[in-house]
Amino acid sequence: MGLISKLDRHSALFHRMSEARHVDLADAVVHGVIDGQTLRDSVLRCMQCEQTEQCEHWLDEAGLGDTPEPTGCRNRLLLDRLSV
């Protein structure tokens, strides 16, 4: 997988995860809670994850509520902070 494809994949994963966690990233940026650098860093952290397939599976099933959230998410602390 090329770099651009990997960036696109993990950007989409991070945004899907934030939606599944009921985090509005655009609202957080508009209100100065996070900035663009934080968003970029989050995608880069996601790219370093070795559990991409598990994350994708969880996101595909998240609406069903029968699959526990992945515990190894590299952006978990940020998403926890933003979901408060």
N, C-alpha and C. Protein backbone atom coordinates (compact mmCIF):
# COMPACT_ATOMS: atom_id res chain seq x y z
N MET A 1 0.86 -1.18 0.00
CA MET A 1 0.00 0.00 0.00
C MET A 1 0.90 1.23 0.00
N GLY A 2 0.61 2.17 -0.89
CA GLY A 2 1.38 3.40 -0.98
C GLY A 2 1.07 4.35 0.17
N LEU A 3 1.93 5.33 0.34
CA LEU A 3 1.80 6.28 1.45
C LEU A 3 0.46 7.03 1.40
N ILE A 4 0.09 7.52 0.24
CA ILE A 4 -1.16 8.29 0.14
C ILE A 4 -2.36 7.40 0.46
N SER A 5 -2.35 6.18 -0.05
CA SER A 5 -3.44 5.24 0.25
C SER A 5 -3.51 4.95 1.74
N LYS A 6 -2.34 4.78 2.37
CA LYS A 6 -2.31 4.51 3.80
C LYS A 6 -2.81 5.71 4.59
N LEU A 7 -2.40 6.92 4.20
CA LEU A 7 -2.91 8.14 4.85
C LEU A 7 -4.43 8.22 4.73
N ASP A 8 -4.93 7.97 3.53
CA ASP A 8 -6.39 8.02 3.31
C ASP A 8 -7.11 6.99 4.17
N ARG A 9 -6.57 5.78 4.21
CA ARG A 9 -7.20 4.70 4.98
C ARG A 9 -7.28 5.06 6.46
N HIS A 10 -6.18 5.54 7.01
CA HIS A 10 -6.14 5.81 8.44
C HIS A 10 -6.85 7.11 8.81
N SER A 11 -6.87 8.05 7.90
CA SER A 11 -7.67 9.25 8.13
C SER A 11 -9.14 8.87 8.24
N ALA A 12 -9.58 8.02 7.32
CA ALA A 12 -10.97 7.55 7.36
C ALA A 12 -11.25 6.75 8.62
N LEU A 13 -10.31 5.88 9.02
CA LEU A 13 -10.49 5.11 10.25
C LEU A 13 -10.62 6.01 11.47
N PHE A 14 -9.73 7.01 11.56
CA PHE A 14 -9.77 7.91 12.71
C PHE A 14 -11.10 8.67 12.75
N HIS A 15 -11.55 9.13 11.60
CA HIS A 15 -12.83 9.86 11.57
C HIS A 15 -14.00 8.94 11.88
N ARG A 16 -13.96 7.72 11.38
CA ARG A 16 -15.03 6.75 11.71
C ARG A 16 -15.03 6.44 13.21
N MET A 17 -13.83 6.29 13.78
CA MET A 17 -13.74 5.99 15.21
C MET A 17 -14.29 7.17 16.02
N SER A 18 -13.95 8.39 15.61
CA SER A 18 -14.45 9.55 16.35
C SER A 18 -15.98 9.61 16.27
N GLU A 19 -16.54 9.31 15.11
CA GLU A 19 -18.00 9.29 14.97
C GLU A 19 -18.62 8.20 15.84
N ALA A 20 -17.99 7.02 15.84
CA ALA A 20 -18.50 5.92 16.66
C ALA A 20 -18.45 6.26 18.14
N ARG A 21 -17.47 7.09 18.52
CA ARG A 21 -17.32 7.50 19.91
C ARG A 21 -18.11 8.78 20.21
N HIS A 22 -18.88 9.24 19.23
CA HIS A 22 -19.71 10.45 19.36
C HIS A 22 -18.87 11.70 19.61
N VAL A 23 -17.74 11.77 18.92
CA VAL A 23 -16.85 12.93 19.00
C VAL A 23 -16.98 13.71 17.70
N ASP A 24 -17.30 14.99 17.81
CA ASP A 24 -17.42 15.87 16.65
C ASP A 24 -16.09 16.60 16.48
N LEU A 25 -15.24 16.09 15.60
CA LEU A 25 -13.91 16.68 15.41
C LEU A 25 -14.00 18.10 14.86
N ALA A 26 -14.91 18.34 13.93
CA ALA A 26 -15.06 19.68 13.37
C ALA A 26 -15.44 20.68 14.46
N ASP A 27 -16.36 20.29 15.32
CA ASP A 27 -16.77 21.15 16.43
C ASP A 27 -15.60 21.41 17.38
N ALA A 28 -14.79 20.39 17.63
CA ALA A 28 -13.64 20.55 18.52
C ALA A 28 -12.63 21.53 17.92
N VAL A 29 -12.45 21.50 16.61
CA VAL A 29 -11.54 22.44 15.96
C VAL A 29 -12.11 23.85 16.00
N VAL A 30 -13.39 23.98 15.64
CA VAL A 30 -14.03 25.30 15.61
C VAL A 30 -13.98 25.98 16.97
N HIS A 31 -14.13 25.19 18.03
CA HIS A 31 -14.14 25.75 19.38
C HIS A 31 -12.76 25.77 20.03
N GLY A 32 -11.74 25.48 19.26
CA GLY A 32 -10.37 25.59 19.76
C GLY A 32 -9.95 24.53 20.75
N VAL A 33 -10.69 23.44 20.83
CA VAL A 33 -10.34 22.36 21.75
C VAL A 33 -9.13 21.60 21.21
N ILE A 34 -9.08 21.43 19.89
CA ILE A 34 -7.93 20.84 19.22
C ILE A 34 -7.62 21.67 17.98
N ASP A 35 -6.42 21.46 17.43
CA ASP A 35 -6.04 22.19 16.22
C ASP A 35 -5.69 21.21 15.10
N GLY A 36 -5.36 21.76 13.96
CA GLY A 36 -5.03 20.93 12.80
C GLY A 36 -3.86 20.00 13.05
N GLN A 37 -2.87 20.47 13.78
CA GLN A 37 -1.71 19.63 14.08
C GLN A 37 -2.13 18.41 14.90
N THR A 38 -3.05 18.59 15.82
CA THR A 38 -3.55 17.47 16.62
C THR A 38 -4.25 16.45 15.73
N LEU A 39 -5.02 16.93 14.76
CA LEU A 39 -5.68 16.01 13.83
C LEU A 39 -4.66 15.24 13.00
N ARG A 40 -3.66 15.95 12.49
CA ARG A 40 -2.62 15.27 11.70
C ARG A 40 -1.88 14.25 12.55
N ASP A 41 -1.52 14.64 13.77
CA ASP A 41 -0.83 13.71 14.67
C ASP A 41 -1.68 12.48 14.95
N SER A 42 -2.97 12.66 15.05
CA SER A 42 -3.88 11.54 15.32
C SER A 42 -3.89 10.54 14.17
N VAL A 43 -3.89 11.05 12.96
CA VAL A 43 -3.85 10.17 11.79
C VAL A 43 -2.51 9.43 11.75
N LEU A 44 -1.43 10.13 12.05
CA LEU A 44 -0.11 9.49 12.06
C LEU A 44 -0.03 8.41 13.13
N ARG A 45 -0.62 8.67 14.31
CA ARG A 45 -0.66 7.64 15.36
C ARG A 45 -1.46 6.43 14.87
N CYS A 46 -2.56 6.69 14.21
CA CYS A 46 -3.38 5.61 13.68
C CYS A 46 -2.58 4.78 12.67
N MET A 47 -1.78 5.43 11.86
CA MET A 47 -0.98 4.72 10.86
C MET A 47 0.03 3.78 11.51
N GLN A 48 0.43 4.05 12.75
CA GLN A 48 1.40 3.21 13.45
C GLN A 48 0.76 2.00 14.12
N CYS A 49 -0.54 1.96 14.12
CA CYS A 49 -1.27 0.88 14.80
C CYS A 49 -1.09 -0.45 14.07
N GLU A 50 -0.99 -1.50 14.84
CA GLU A 50 -0.87 -2.84 14.28
C GLU A 50 -2.20 -3.60 14.34
N GLN A 51 -3.27 -2.91 14.73
CA GLN A 51 -4.58 -3.55 14.88
C GLN A 51 -5.61 -2.98 13.90
N THR A 52 -5.16 -2.58 12.73
CA THR A 52 -6.04 -1.93 11.77
C THR A 52 -7.26 -2.78 11.42
N GLU A 53 -7.03 -4.07 11.17
CA GLU A 53 -8.14 -4.94 10.80
C GLU A 53 -9.15 -5.07 11.94
N GLN A 54 -8.66 -5.18 13.18
CA GLN A 54 -9.57 -5.27 14.32
C GLN A 54 -10.39 -3.98 14.45
N CYS A 55 -9.74 -2.87 14.23
CA CYS A 55 -10.42 -1.57 14.30
C CYS A 55 -11.50 -1.49 13.23
N GLU A 56 -11.15 -1.87 12.00
CA GLU A 56 -12.14 -1.83 10.93
C GLU A 56 -13.32 -2.74 11.25
N HIS A 57 -13.03 -3.91 11.77
CA HIS A 57 -14.11 -4.85 12.13
C HIS A 57 -15.00 -4.23 13.21
N TRP A 58 -14.40 -3.65 14.24
CA TRP A 58 -15.18 -3.03 15.30
C TRP A 58 -16.05 -1.90 14.73
N LEU A 59 -15.48 -1.09 13.88
CA LEU A 59 -16.24 0.02 13.31
C LEU A 59 -17.40 -0.50 12.45
N ASP A 60 -17.17 -1.58 11.74
CA ASP A 60 -18.25 -2.16 10.94
C ASP A 60 -19.38 -2.69 11.82
N GLU A 61 -19.04 -3.12 13.04
CA GLU A 61 -20.02 -3.71 13.95
C GLU A 61 -20.44 -2.77 15.07
N ALA A 62 -19.85 -1.58 15.17
CA ALA A 62 -20.06 -0.68 16.32
C ALA A 62 -21.53 -0.37 16.56
N GLY A 63 -22.29 -0.21 15.50
CA GLY A 63 -23.70 0.12 15.66
C GLY A 63 -24.51 -1.01 16.27
N LEU A 64 -23.97 -2.20 16.26
CA LEU A 64 -24.71 -3.34 16.79
C LEU A 64 -24.54 -3.49 18.29
N GLY A 65 -23.49 -2.91 18.84
CA GLY A 65 -23.28 -2.92 20.28
C GLY A 65 -22.88 -4.26 20.87
N ASP A 66 -22.53 -5.24 20.04
CA ASP A 66 -22.18 -6.55 20.58
C ASP A 66 -20.69 -6.86 20.52
N THR A 67 -19.89 -5.90 20.10
CA THR A 67 -18.45 -6.09 20.00
C THR A 67 -17.76 -5.06 20.88
N PRO A 68 -16.91 -5.50 21.80
CA PRO A 68 -16.21 -4.52 22.65
C PRO A 68 -15.27 -3.64 21.83
N GLU A 69 -15.17 -2.39 22.23
CA GLU A 69 -14.28 -1.44 21.56
C GLU A 69 -12.84 -1.91 21.66
N PRO A 70 -12.05 -1.72 20.60
CA PRO A 70 -10.64 -2.11 20.66
C PRO A 70 -9.92 -1.36 21.80
N THR A 71 -9.12 -2.09 22.54
CA THR A 71 -8.43 -1.47 23.68
C THR A 71 -7.10 -0.85 23.30
N GLY A 72 -6.56 -1.19 22.13
CA GLY A 72 -5.23 -0.72 21.77
C GLY A 72 -5.22 0.53 20.91
N CYS A 73 -6.34 1.24 20.82
CA CYS A 73 -6.39 2.43 19.97
C CYS A 73 -5.37 3.46 20.44
N ARG A 74 -4.52 3.88 19.53
CA ARG A 74 -3.48 4.87 19.85
C ARG A 74 -4.06 6.27 20.06
N ASN A 75 -5.31 6.46 19.71
CA ASN A 75 -5.96 7.76 19.91
C ASN A 75 -7.02 7.72 21.00
N ARG A 76 -7.02 6.64 21.76
CA ARG A 76 -8.04 6.46 22.79
C ARG A 76 -8.07 7.62 23.80
N LEU A 77 -6.91 8.04 24.27
CA LEU A 77 -6.88 9.12 25.27
C LEU A 77 -7.47 10.41 24.70
N LEU A 78 -7.11 10.75 23.48
CA LEU A 78 -7.66 11.95 22.85
C LEU A 78 -9.17 11.81 22.69
N LEU A 79 -9.63 10.69 22.19
CA LEU A 79 -11.06 10.49 22.00
C LEU A 79 -11.80 10.47 23.32
N ASP A 80 -11.19 9.89 24.36
CA ASP A 80 -11.80 9.94 25.69
C ASP A 80 -11.96 11.38 26.17
N ARG A 81 -10.92 12.17 25.97
CA ARG A 81 -10.95 13.58 26.41
C ARG A 81 -12.02 14.36 25.64
N LEU A 82 -12.12 14.11 24.35
CA LEU A 82 -13.07 14.86 23.52
C LEU A 82 -14.51 14.39 23.69
N SER A 83 -14.71 13.18 24.19
CA SER A 83 -16.07 12.68 24.33
C SER A 83 -16.70 13.10 25.64
N VAL A 84 -15.98 13.80 26.46
CA VAL A 84 -16.52 14.23 27.76
C VAL A 84 -17.40 15.44 27.57
